[in-house]
Amino acid sequence: MTPHIAGLRNNHLLAAMRDYRSGHRLHPQMQQAVLGLEDEALAVLAAWYAEQPWVAVSGAVDSELLRAGGKKAFASCSSCHRRSGEGGIGAPRLAGQSVGYLIAASEAYRDGGRNSPAARGKGFVMGGLTDDEIRALSHYYASLR
């Protein structure tokens, strides 16, 4: 699963690419893509993707899970990602990402599959979430545009 990255914040994109390069974030194709790139090249790539227009991923969402996820999002996620899911300075956009990607990323944070310093903080927040709560949150954020 991969995220839609056009229009994400520059600082988040740059941090993600550095995490792939260092091995703190695992994805064979992304690790290979950034292997050997200097920080300057990563910064150019991050800036280019950040300047591209955001287009939400289309896909079906479960309305029952959407309602449950909306309630949980306010309590668990909105302080960093905002209720709208648009993200903030230190938190990426969740709104409009695919359900599958949101589930995979959430489970990776919760289960320790991402081990950068920033990811460990998210793991603390995600650690108490059940699989059902992650599914509900993922459907909620995927439904937002």
Protein backbone atom coordinates (compact mmCIF):
# COMPACT_ATOMS: atom_id res chain seq x y z
CA MET A 1 0.00 0.00 0.00
CA THR A 2 1.23 3.45 -0.86
CA PRO A 3 -0.08 6.89 0.06
CA HIS A 4 -1.11 9.64 -2.31
CA ILE A 5 1.71 12.15 -1.76
CA ALA A 6 1.03 15.04 -4.14
CA GLY A 7 0.25 18.13 -2.10
CA LEU A 8 1.45 16.77 1.24
CA ARG A 9 3.56 19.12 3.35
CA ASN A 10 7.19 19.45 2.36
CA ASN A 11 8.53 18.73 5.87
CA HIS A 12 6.56 15.47 6.12
CA LEU A 13 7.71 14.28 2.69
CA LEU A 14 11.34 15.07 3.44
CA ALA A 15 11.18 13.29 6.81
CA ALA A 16 9.58 10.22 5.19
CA MET A 17 12.27 10.02 2.51
CA ARG A 18 15.01 10.35 5.12
CA ASP A 19 13.34 7.59 7.15
CA TYR A 20 13.28 5.31 4.08
CA ARG A 21 16.94 6.07 3.39
CA SER A 22 17.99 5.35 6.99
CA GLY A 23 15.87 2.19 7.30
CA HIS A 24 13.59 3.64 9.98
CA ARG A 25 10.69 3.20 7.58
CA LEU A 26 10.50 0.04 5.50
CA HIS A 27 9.28 -0.24 1.92
CA PRO A 28 11.59 -1.99 -0.58
CA GLN A 29 10.80 0.22 -3.58
CA MET A 30 11.00 3.49 -1.63
CA GLN A 31 14.21 2.46 0.11
CA GLN A 32 15.77 1.63 -3.26
CA ALA A 33 14.50 4.89 -4.79
CA VAL A 34 16.21 7.10 -2.19
CA LEU A 35 19.32 4.98 -1.62
CA GLY A 36 22.37 7.12 -2.27
CA LEU A 37 20.47 10.40 -2.63
CA GLU A 38 21.90 13.34 -0.70
CA ASP A 39 19.72 15.58 1.47
CA GLU A 40 19.70 18.26 -1.24
CA ALA A 41 18.17 15.86 -3.77
CA LEU A 42 15.59 14.68 -1.25
CA ALA A 43 14.70 18.32 -0.52
CA VAL A 44 14.14 19.01 -4.24
CA LEU A 45 11.90 15.92 -4.55
CA ALA A 46 9.93 16.83 -1.43
CA ALA A 47 9.41 20.40 -2.63
CA TRP A 48 8.22 19.22 -6.05
CA TYR A 49 5.66 16.79 -4.63
CA ALA A 50 4.48 19.36 -2.08
CA GLU A 51 3.76 21.83 -4.89
CA GLN A 52 1.55 19.38 -6.78
CA PRO A 53 -2.23 19.66 -6.31
CA TRP A 54 -3.90 17.33 -3.82
CA VAL A 55 -6.44 14.95 -5.34
CA ALA A 56 -8.30 12.68 -2.94
CA VAL A 57 -8.19 8.97 -3.64
CA SER A 58 -11.60 7.60 -4.56
CA GLY A 59 -12.92 4.42 -3.03
CA ALA A 60 -15.80 2.90 -1.14
CA VAL A 61 -16.20 3.50 2.57
CA ASP A 62 -18.46 1.74 5.05
CA SER A 63 -21.00 4.23 6.46
CA GLU A 64 -21.27 2.44 9.81
CA LEU A 65 -17.50 2.43 10.25
CA LEU A 66 -17.40 6.04 9.08
CA ARG A 67 -19.70 7.15 11.92
CA ALA A 68 -17.75 5.20 14.54
CA GLY A 69 -14.47 6.52 13.17
CA GLY A 70 -15.68 10.12 13.32
CA LYS A 71 -16.35 9.81 17.03
CA LYS A 72 -12.97 8.20 17.69
CA ALA A 73 -11.09 10.69 15.49
CA PHE A 74 -12.16 13.60 17.62
CA ALA A 75 -10.79 11.91 20.74
CA SER A 76 -7.64 10.33 19.30
CA CYS A 77 -6.40 12.08 16.19
CA SER A 78 -7.74 15.59 15.81
CA SER A 79 -5.21 17.34 18.03
CA CYS A 80 -2.48 16.64 15.44
CA HIS A 81 -4.31 15.80 12.20
CA ARG A 82 -7.29 18.12 12.86
CA ARG A 83 -10.89 16.97 12.76
CA SER A 84 -10.89 17.64 9.03
CA GLY A 85 -7.89 15.33 8.55
CA GLU A 86 -5.97 18.00 6.63
CA GLY A 87 -2.97 17.60 8.93
CA GLY A 88 -0.74 20.15 10.55
CA ILE A 89 2.90 21.16 10.73
CA GLY A 90 4.06 17.84 12.20
CA ALA A 91 1.24 15.59 11.03
CA PRO A 92 0.44 14.53 7.47
CA ARG A 93 -2.89 14.78 5.72
CA LEU A 94 -5.13 11.75 6.32
CA ALA A 95 -8.26 13.04 4.57
CA GLY A 96 -8.77 11.42 1.19
CA GLN A 97 -6.10 8.73 1.50
CA SER A 98 -7.19 5.18 0.65
CA VAL A 99 -8.72 3.00 3.34
CA GLY A 100 -6.14 0.28 2.70
CA TYR A 101 -3.19 2.64 3.06
CA LEU A 102 -4.59 4.21 6.24
CA ILE A 103 -5.11 0.78 7.80
CA ALA A 104 -1.62 -0.42 6.83
CA ALA A 105 0.08 2.76 8.08
CA SER A 106 -1.89 2.80 11.34
CA GLU A 107 -1.04 -0.83 12.05
CA ALA A 108 2.63 -0.17 11.26
CA TYR A 109 2.71 2.70 13.77
CA ARG A 110 0.81 0.69 16.38
CA ASP A 111 2.83 -2.49 15.97
CA GLY A 112 6.28 -0.86 15.76
CA GLY A 113 6.82 -1.33 12.02
CA ARG A 114 7.98 2.27 11.77
CA ASN A 115 10.71 3.13 14.22
CA SER A 116 11.83 6.71 13.62
CA PRO A 117 11.64 9.09 16.60
CA ALA A 118 8.46 10.66 15.16
CA ALA A 119 6.92 7.23 14.58
CA ARG A 120 7.55 6.17 18.15
CA GLY A 121 5.38 9.07 19.33
CA LYS A 122 2.61 7.98 16.98
CA GLY A 123 3.02 4.42 18.20
CA PHE A 124 2.26 5.64 21.70
CA VAL A 125 -1.02 7.18 20.50
CA MET A 126 -1.87 4.25 18.23
CA GLY A 127 -0.85 1.58 20.72
CA GLY A 128 -4.20 1.49 22.45
CA LEU A 129 -6.28 1.14 19.28
CA THR A 130 -7.91 -2.14 18.33
CA ASP A 131 -8.09 -3.44 14.76
CA ASP A 132 -11.76 -2.41 14.64
CA GLU A 133 -10.96 1.13 15.79
CA ILE A 134 -8.22 1.41 13.17
CA ARG A 135 -10.66 0.25 10.48
CA ALA A 136 -13.26 2.77 11.64
CA LEU A 137 -10.76 5.64 11.72
CA SER A 138 -9.46 4.67 8.29
CA HIS A 139 -12.95 4.71 6.77
CA TYR A 140 -13.66 8.06 8.40
CA TYR A 141 -10.51 9.78 7.13
CA ALA A 142 -10.78 8.19 3.67
CA SER A 143 -14.28 9.67 3.34
CA LEU A 144 -13.06 13.23 3.91
CA ARG A 145 -11.97 15.29 0.94
